[in-house]
Amino acid sequence: MFRMQVRIQRPSEVESRGMLEKCGFSLLEVLITIIILTVGVIAITNAFSSGLLSSADIENVDLALNIAQAKMEEIKDAGYASLADSGPTSDPNFPNFNVSVNVAEGNNPMQVDVAVDWNVKGGQTGITLMTLIADYATQ
């Protein structure tokens, strides 16, 4: 028959004190961990704020595009005879956006550009829509 014997040894008192002294983290390890975590949190915060700014930019582009499309439809509905340039105007509903219309005088059809500009951090930006409008009465 097979017999197995297990012997448990207890560490001496001196060895157990040495083990207790080796437990835990040193001050240097804690400081390095705090620095690494701080750098990570700062990076995540910067990425989050950049995402928020990009989201606001996208909303402004979308709103400017809708304003330009509405102005373009208004010009098309008015007809060829009423085509004229207009300087920067501001809609009371959207005071931060300026709309200007540029009509290229010349042959039939005429090129009409509708530009919408708005202020952003560090300057001004905008979008421009272009279309051709023909006078079908003279053709």
N, C-alpha and C. Protein backbone atom coordinates (compact mmCIF):
# COMPACT_ATOMS: atom_id res chain seq x y z
N MET A 1 0.82 -1.16 0.00
CA MET A 1 0.00 0.00 0.00
C MET A 1 0.88 1.24 0.00
N PHE A 2 0.36 2.27 -0.62
CA PHE A 2 1.09 3.53 -0.78
C PHE A 2 0.69 4.49 0.32
N ARG A 3 1.69 5.10 0.94
CA ARG A 3 1.40 6.02 2.03
C ARG A 3 2.15 7.32 1.76
N MET A 4 1.41 8.46 1.91
CA MET A 4 1.99 9.76 1.65
C MET A 4 2.02 10.54 2.94
N GLN A 5 3.13 11.18 3.17
CA GLN A 5 3.28 11.94 4.39
C GLN A 5 3.50 13.40 4.02
N VAL A 6 2.73 14.29 4.65
CA VAL A 6 2.85 15.73 4.42
C VAL A 6 3.36 16.35 5.70
N ARG A 7 4.36 17.14 5.56
CA ARG A 7 4.93 17.78 6.73
C ARG A 7 4.80 19.29 6.57
N ILE A 8 4.18 19.95 7.52
CA ILE A 8 4.00 21.40 7.49
C ILE A 8 5.03 22.01 8.41
N GLN A 9 5.75 22.96 7.86
CA GLN A 9 6.75 23.64 8.66
C GLN A 9 6.30 25.07 8.92
N ARG A 10 6.50 25.48 10.11
CA ARG A 10 6.19 26.86 10.45
C ARG A 10 7.46 27.68 10.35
N PRO A 11 7.32 28.88 9.77
CA PRO A 11 8.52 29.71 9.70
C PRO A 11 8.89 30.19 11.08
N SER A 12 10.13 30.40 11.23
CA SER A 12 10.57 30.89 12.54
C SER A 12 10.11 32.33 12.71
N GLU A 13 10.22 32.80 13.90
CA GLU A 13 9.76 34.15 14.22
C GLU A 13 10.55 35.19 13.43
N VAL A 14 11.79 35.00 13.22
CA VAL A 14 12.64 35.94 12.49
C VAL A 14 12.21 35.99 11.03
N GLU A 15 11.94 34.82 10.44
CA GLU A 15 11.52 34.78 9.04
C GLU A 15 10.17 35.46 8.85
N SER A 16 9.24 35.27 9.78
CA SER A 16 7.92 35.88 9.63
C SER A 16 8.00 37.40 9.75
N ARG A 17 8.88 37.93 10.59
CA ARG A 17 9.05 39.38 10.67
C ARG A 17 9.60 39.93 9.36
N GLY A 18 10.51 39.24 8.76
CA GLY A 18 11.06 39.67 7.48
C GLY A 18 10.00 39.71 6.39
N MET A 19 9.08 38.76 6.41
CA MET A 19 7.98 38.74 5.45
C MET A 19 7.07 39.94 5.64
N LEU A 20 6.80 40.29 6.89
CA LEU A 20 5.93 41.43 7.16
C LEU A 20 6.55 42.72 6.68
N GLU A 21 7.85 42.84 6.78
CA GLU A 21 8.51 44.06 6.35
C GLU A 21 8.49 44.19 4.83
N LYS A 22 8.34 43.11 4.12
CA LYS A 22 8.35 43.14 2.66
C LYS A 22 6.95 43.33 2.07
N CYS A 23 5.92 43.36 2.86
CA CYS A 23 4.55 43.54 2.37
C CYS A 23 4.31 45.00 2.02
N GLY A 24 3.36 45.27 1.07
CA GLY A 24 2.94 46.63 0.75
C GLY A 24 3.78 47.25 -0.36
N PHE A 25 3.56 48.55 -0.55
CA PHE A 25 4.21 49.30 -1.61
C PHE A 25 5.12 50.36 -1.01
N SER A 26 6.16 50.67 -1.73
CA SER A 26 7.05 51.74 -1.27
C SER A 26 6.46 53.08 -1.71
N LEU A 27 6.94 54.14 -1.13
CA LEU A 27 6.47 55.48 -1.48
C LEU A 27 6.76 55.78 -2.94
N LEU A 28 7.89 55.35 -3.43
CA LEU A 28 8.26 55.58 -4.83
C LEU A 28 7.28 54.89 -5.77
N GLU A 29 6.90 53.67 -5.46
CA GLU A 29 5.93 52.95 -6.30
C GLU A 29 4.58 53.65 -6.31
N VAL A 30 4.15 54.13 -5.18
CA VAL A 30 2.87 54.84 -5.09
C VAL A 30 2.92 56.13 -5.90
N LEU A 31 4.02 56.89 -5.80
CA LEU A 31 4.14 58.14 -6.54
C LEU A 31 4.16 57.91 -8.05
N ILE A 32 4.88 56.89 -8.49
CA ILE A 32 4.92 56.58 -9.92
C ILE A 32 3.54 56.18 -10.42
N THR A 33 2.82 55.41 -9.64
CA THR A 33 1.45 55.01 -10.01
C THR A 33 0.54 56.23 -10.11
N ILE A 34 0.64 57.14 -9.16
CA ILE A 34 -0.18 58.36 -9.19
C ILE A 34 0.14 59.20 -10.42
N ILE A 35 1.42 59.32 -10.76
CA ILE A 35 1.81 60.10 -11.94
C ILE A 35 1.26 59.46 -13.21
N ILE A 36 1.38 58.16 -13.34
CA ILE A 36 0.86 57.46 -14.53
C ILE A 36 -0.65 57.63 -14.63
N LEU A 37 -1.36 57.47 -13.54
CA LEU A 37 -2.82 57.64 -13.56
C LEU A 37 -3.20 59.08 -13.89
N THR A 38 -2.47 60.06 -13.37
CA THR A 38 -2.76 61.46 -13.65
C THR A 38 -2.59 61.77 -15.13
N VAL A 39 -1.50 61.29 -15.73
CA VAL A 39 -1.28 61.50 -17.16
C VAL A 39 -2.40 60.85 -17.97
N GLY A 40 -2.83 59.68 -17.59
CA GLY A 40 -3.93 59.01 -18.29
C GLY A 40 -5.23 59.77 -18.18
N VAL A 41 -5.55 60.26 -17.00
CA VAL A 41 -6.80 61.02 -16.81
C VAL A 41 -6.76 62.32 -17.61
N ILE A 42 -5.62 62.99 -17.64
CA ILE A 42 -5.50 64.23 -18.42
C ILE A 42 -5.69 63.94 -19.90
N ALA A 43 -5.12 62.87 -20.40
CA ALA A 43 -5.27 62.51 -21.81
C ALA A 43 -6.73 62.21 -22.14
N ILE A 44 -7.40 61.48 -21.29
CA ILE A 44 -8.81 61.17 -21.52
C ILE A 44 -9.66 62.43 -21.47
N THR A 45 -9.38 63.33 -20.55
CA THR A 45 -10.13 64.58 -20.45
C THR A 45 -9.94 65.43 -21.70
N ASN A 46 -8.71 65.52 -22.21
CA ASN A 46 -8.47 66.28 -23.43
C ASN A 46 -9.19 65.66 -24.62
N ALA A 47 -9.19 64.36 -24.72
CA ALA A 47 -9.90 63.70 -25.81
C ALA A 47 -11.40 63.95 -25.71
N PHE A 48 -11.93 63.94 -24.52
CA PHE A 48 -13.36 64.19 -24.33
C PHE A 48 -13.73 65.61 -24.72
N SER A 49 -12.92 66.60 -24.30
CA SER A 49 -13.23 67.99 -24.64
C SER A 49 -13.08 68.23 -26.14
N SER A 50 -12.12 67.58 -26.79
CA SER A 50 -11.98 67.69 -28.24
C SER A 50 -13.21 67.11 -28.94
N GLY A 51 -13.71 66.02 -28.41
CA GLY A 51 -14.93 65.42 -28.97
C GLY A 51 -16.12 66.34 -28.84
N LEU A 52 -16.23 67.04 -27.73
CA LEU A 52 -17.33 67.98 -27.55
C LEU A 52 -17.22 69.14 -28.53
N LEU A 53 -16.01 69.66 -28.74
CA LEU A 53 -15.82 70.76 -29.69
C LEU A 53 -16.14 70.30 -31.11
N SER A 54 -15.73 69.10 -31.47
CA SER A 54 -16.04 68.57 -32.79
C SER A 54 -17.54 68.41 -32.97
N SER A 55 -18.21 67.99 -31.93
CA SER A 55 -19.66 67.84 -31.99
C SER A 55 -20.34 69.19 -32.22
N ALA A 56 -19.86 70.24 -31.56
CA ALA A 56 -20.42 71.58 -31.75
C ALA A 56 -20.15 72.07 -33.17
N ASP A 57 -18.97 71.78 -33.72
CA ASP A 57 -18.65 72.17 -35.10
C ASP A 57 -19.58 71.48 -36.08
N ILE A 58 -19.85 70.22 -35.87
CA ILE A 58 -20.73 69.47 -36.76
C ILE A 58 -22.15 70.04 -36.70
N GLU A 59 -22.60 70.40 -35.52
CA GLU A 59 -23.93 71.01 -35.39
C GLU A 59 -24.00 72.33 -36.14
N ASN A 60 -22.94 73.15 -36.06
CA ASN A 60 -22.92 74.43 -36.78
C ASN A 60 -22.92 74.22 -38.28
N VAL A 61 -22.17 73.25 -38.78
CA VAL A 61 -22.15 72.96 -40.21
C VAL A 61 -23.53 72.50 -40.67
N ASP A 62 -24.16 71.64 -39.90
CA ASP A 62 -25.50 71.15 -40.24
C ASP A 62 -26.51 72.30 -40.27
N LEU A 63 -26.46 73.17 -39.28
CA LEU A 63 -27.37 74.30 -39.22
C LEU A 63 -27.11 75.26 -40.38
N ALA A 64 -25.83 75.54 -40.68
CA ALA A 64 -25.49 76.43 -41.79
C ALA A 64 -25.96 75.84 -43.12
N LEU A 65 -25.83 74.56 -43.29
CA LEU A 65 -26.29 73.91 -44.51
C LEU A 65 -27.80 74.03 -44.66
N ASN A 66 -28.54 73.86 -43.57
CA ASN A 66 -29.99 74.02 -43.62
C ASN A 66 -30.39 75.46 -43.95
N ILE A 67 -29.68 76.44 -43.37
CA ILE A 67 -29.96 77.85 -43.66
C ILE A 67 -29.69 78.14 -45.13
N ALA A 68 -28.57 77.64 -45.67
CA ALA A 68 -28.22 77.87 -47.07
C ALA A 68 -29.23 77.22 -48.01
N GLN A 69 -29.67 76.02 -47.67
CA GLN A 69 -30.67 75.34 -48.51
C GLN A 69 -31.99 76.09 -48.51
N ALA A 70 -32.40 76.60 -47.35
CA ALA A 70 -33.65 77.37 -47.28
C ALA A 70 -33.54 78.64 -48.11
N LYS A 71 -32.40 79.33 -48.05
CA LYS A 71 -32.20 80.55 -48.84
C LYS A 71 -32.20 80.22 -50.32
N MET A 72 -31.57 79.12 -50.70
CA MET A 72 -31.53 78.71 -52.10
C MET A 72 -32.94 78.41 -52.62
N GLU A 73 -33.75 77.75 -51.83
CA GLU A 73 -35.14 77.48 -52.23
C GLU A 73 -35.93 78.78 -52.36
N GLU A 74 -35.68 79.72 -51.47
CA GLU A 74 -36.35 81.02 -51.54
C GLU A 74 -35.98 81.74 -52.84
N ILE A 75 -34.73 81.68 -53.24
CA ILE A 75 -34.27 82.31 -54.49
C ILE A 75 -34.89 81.62 -55.70
N LYS A 76 -34.93 80.30 -55.69
CA LYS A 76 -35.52 79.56 -56.81
C LYS A 76 -37.01 79.86 -56.95
N ASP A 77 -37.70 79.97 -55.81
CA ASP A 77 -39.14 80.27 -55.83
C ASP A 77 -39.41 81.67 -56.35
N ALA A 78 -38.50 82.62 -56.11
CA ALA A 78 -38.69 84.00 -56.55
C ALA A 78 -38.57 84.11 -58.07
N GLY A 79 -37.81 83.23 -58.69
CA GLY A 79 -37.72 83.23 -60.14
C GLY A 79 -36.49 83.94 -60.67
N TYR A 80 -36.27 83.77 -61.98
CA TYR A 80 -35.08 84.28 -62.65
C TYR A 80 -35.04 85.81 -62.65
N ALA A 81 -36.17 86.45 -62.84
CA ALA A 81 -36.23 87.91 -62.96
C ALA A 81 -35.80 88.62 -61.67
N SER A 82 -35.96 87.99 -60.55
CA SER A 82 -35.65 88.65 -59.28
C SER A 82 -34.26 88.30 -58.74
N LEU A 83 -33.40 87.70 -59.56
CA LEU A 83 -32.06 87.35 -59.10
C LEU A 83 -31.23 88.60 -58.87
N ALA A 84 -30.66 88.72 -57.68
CA ALA A 84 -29.80 89.86 -57.36
C ALA A 84 -28.88 89.48 -56.21
N ASP A 85 -27.74 90.17 -56.18
CA ASP A 85 -26.80 89.97 -55.07
C ASP A 85 -27.40 90.52 -53.79
N SER A 86 -27.00 89.95 -52.69
CA SER A 86 -27.36 90.53 -51.39
C SER A 86 -26.16 90.38 -50.47
N GLY A 87 -25.90 91.43 -49.72
CA GLY A 87 -24.78 91.41 -48.79
C GLY A 87 -25.06 90.50 -47.62
N PRO A 88 -24.14 90.45 -46.71
CA PRO A 88 -24.35 89.60 -45.54
C PRO A 88 -25.55 90.05 -44.73
N THR A 89 -26.48 89.16 -44.55
CA THR A 89 -27.65 89.43 -43.72
C THR A 89 -27.71 88.37 -42.63
N SER A 90 -28.36 88.72 -41.56
CA SER A 90 -28.48 87.80 -40.43
C SER A 90 -29.94 87.50 -40.18
N ASP A 91 -30.25 86.24 -40.01
CA ASP A 91 -31.61 85.82 -39.69
C ASP A 91 -31.82 86.03 -38.19
N PRO A 92 -32.94 86.66 -37.78
CA PRO A 92 -33.16 86.86 -36.34
C PRO A 92 -33.21 85.55 -35.55
N ASN A 93 -33.62 84.47 -36.21
CA ASN A 93 -33.66 83.17 -35.53
C ASN A 93 -32.26 82.58 -35.34
N PHE A 94 -31.32 83.00 -36.19
CA PHE A 94 -29.95 82.48 -36.13
C PHE A 94 -28.97 83.66 -36.20
N PRO A 95 -28.83 84.42 -35.12
CA PRO A 95 -28.02 85.65 -35.17
C PRO A 95 -26.52 85.41 -35.36
N ASN A 96 -26.04 84.22 -35.11
CA ASN A 96 -24.60 83.95 -35.25
C ASN A 96 -24.20 83.60 -36.68
N PHE A 97 -25.17 83.50 -37.58
CA PHE A 97 -24.90 83.10 -38.95
C PHE A 97 -25.21 84.25 -39.90
N ASN A 98 -24.30 84.54 -40.84
CA ASN A 98 -24.50 85.56 -41.86
C ASN A 98 -24.68 84.89 -43.20
N VAL A 99 -25.71 85.33 -43.95
CA VAL A 99 -26.03 84.75 -45.25
C VAL A 99 -25.78 85.80 -46.32
N SER A 100 -25.06 85.44 -47.37
CA SER A 100 -24.86 86.36 -48.49
C SER A 100 -25.11 85.60 -49.79
N VAL A 101 -25.65 86.34 -50.78
CA VAL A 101 -25.98 85.76 -52.08
C VAL A 101 -25.16 86.48 -53.13
N ASN A 102 -24.52 85.71 -54.01
CA ASN A 102 -23.74 86.28 -55.11
C ASN A 102 -24.28 85.70 -56.41
N VAL A 103 -24.73 86.59 -57.31
CA VAL A 103 -25.25 86.16 -58.60
C VAL A 103 -24.22 86.57 -59.66
N ALA A 104 -23.72 85.59 -60.41
CA ALA A 104 -22.75 85.86 -61.47
C ALA A 104 -23.51 86.34 -62.70
N GLU A 105 -23.41 87.64 -62.97
CA GLU A 105 -24.10 88.21 -64.14
C GLU A 105 -23.51 87.62 -65.41
N GLY A 106 -24.35 87.42 -66.37
CA GLY A 106 -23.84 86.88 -67.62
C GLY A 106 -24.93 86.16 -68.37
N ASN A 107 -24.54 85.11 -68.97
CA ASN A 107 -25.44 84.36 -69.84
C ASN A 107 -26.49 83.61 -69.05
N ASN A 108 -27.45 83.13 -69.80
CA ASN A 108 -28.50 82.29 -69.25
C ASN A 108 -27.99 80.85 -69.35
N PRO A 109 -27.88 80.09 -68.32
CA PRO A 109 -28.29 80.26 -66.93
C PRO A 109 -27.25 81.05 -66.12
N MET A 110 -27.73 81.61 -65.01
CA MET A 110 -26.85 82.36 -64.12
C MET A 110 -26.45 81.48 -62.93
N GLN A 111 -25.20 81.68 -62.52
CA GLN A 111 -24.71 80.95 -61.35
C GLN A 111 -25.06 81.74 -60.10
N VAL A 112 -25.67 81.05 -59.13
CA VAL A 112 -26.04 81.67 -57.86
C VAL A 112 -25.29 80.95 -56.74
N ASP A 113 -24.56 81.73 -55.95
CA ASP A 113 -23.84 81.19 -54.79
C ASP A 113 -24.49 81.72 -53.52
N VAL A 114 -24.81 80.83 -52.61
CA VAL A 114 -25.32 81.22 -51.29
C VAL A 114 -24.25 80.80 -50.27
N ALA A 115 -23.71 81.80 -49.57
CA ALA A 115 -22.66 81.55 -48.58
C ALA A 115 -23.21 81.82 -47.19
N VAL A 116 -22.92 80.93 -46.27
CA VAL A 116 -23.29 81.10 -44.87
C VAL A 116 -22.01 81.05 -44.06
N ASP A 117 -21.76 82.12 -43.30
CA ASP A 117 -20.55 82.23 -42.47
C ASP A 117 -20.94 82.33 -41.01
N TRP A 118 -20.07 81.82 -40.14
CA TRP A 118 -20.28 81.95 -38.71
C TRP A 118 -18.92 82.00 -38.02
N ASN A 119 -18.93 82.55 -36.82
CA ASN A 119 -17.69 82.70 -36.04
C ASN A 119 -17.37 81.41 -35.31
N VAL A 120 -16.09 81.07 -35.34
CA VAL A 120 -15.58 79.94 -34.58
C VAL A 120 -14.38 80.42 -33.79
N LYS A 121 -13.93 79.58 -32.91
CA LYS A 121 -12.75 79.93 -32.11
C LYS A 121 -11.57 80.15 -33.04
N GLY A 122 -11.02 81.34 -33.02
CA GLY A 122 -9.86 81.63 -33.85
C GLY A 122 -10.18 82.18 -35.22
N GLY A 123 -11.41 82.56 -35.50
CA GLY A 123 -11.71 83.13 -36.81
C GLY A 123 -13.15 82.91 -37.24
N GLN A 124 -13.30 82.82 -38.55
CA GLN A 124 -14.63 82.66 -39.13
C GLN A 124 -14.55 81.55 -40.16
N THR A 125 -15.62 80.78 -40.28
CA THR A 125 -15.68 79.71 -41.26
C THR A 125 -17.04 79.73 -41.92
N GLY A 126 -17.22 78.95 -42.95
CA GLY A 126 -18.51 78.96 -43.63
C GLY A 126 -18.61 77.88 -44.69
N ILE A 127 -19.78 77.84 -45.30
CA ILE A 127 -20.04 76.92 -46.40
C ILE A 127 -20.66 77.71 -47.54
N THR A 128 -20.57 77.20 -48.75
CA THR A 128 -21.16 77.85 -49.92
C THR A 128 -21.88 76.80 -50.75
N LEU A 129 -23.12 77.12 -51.12
CA LEU A 129 -23.88 76.28 -52.05
C LEU A 129 -23.95 77.00 -53.38
N MET A 130 -23.86 76.26 -54.48
CA MET A 130 -23.92 76.85 -55.81
C MET A 130 -24.98 76.13 -56.63
N THR A 131 -25.70 76.92 -57.44
CA THR A 131 -26.66 76.34 -58.37
C THR A 131 -26.71 77.21 -59.62
N LEU A 132 -27.31 76.67 -60.65
CA LEU A 132 -27.54 77.43 -61.89
C LEU A 132 -29.04 77.60 -62.04
N ILE A 133 -29.45 78.85 -62.35
CA ILE A 133 -30.87 79.13 -62.55
C ILE A 133 -31.03 79.69 -63.96
N ALA A 134 -31.94 79.09 -64.71
CA ALA A 134 -32.14 79.48 -66.11
C ALA A 134 -33.45 80.24 -66.26
N ASP A 135 -33.48 81.11 -67.29
CA ASP A 135 -34.70 81.83 -67.66
C ASP A 135 -35.32 81.07 -68.82
N TYR A 136 -36.30 80.26 -68.52
CA TYR A 136 -36.91 79.43 -69.55
C TYR A 136 -37.85 80.23 -70.44
N ALA A 137 -38.24 81.44 -70.03
CA ALA A 137 -39.15 82.27 -70.82
C ALA A 137 -38.46 82.79 -72.07
N THR A 138 -37.13 82.99 -72.05
CA THR A 138 -36.43 83.54 -73.22
C THR A 138 -35.90 82.45 -74.13
N GLN A 139 -36.05 81.23 -73.78
CA GLN A 139 -35.50 80.16 -74.62
C GLN A 139 -36.50 79.66 -75.61
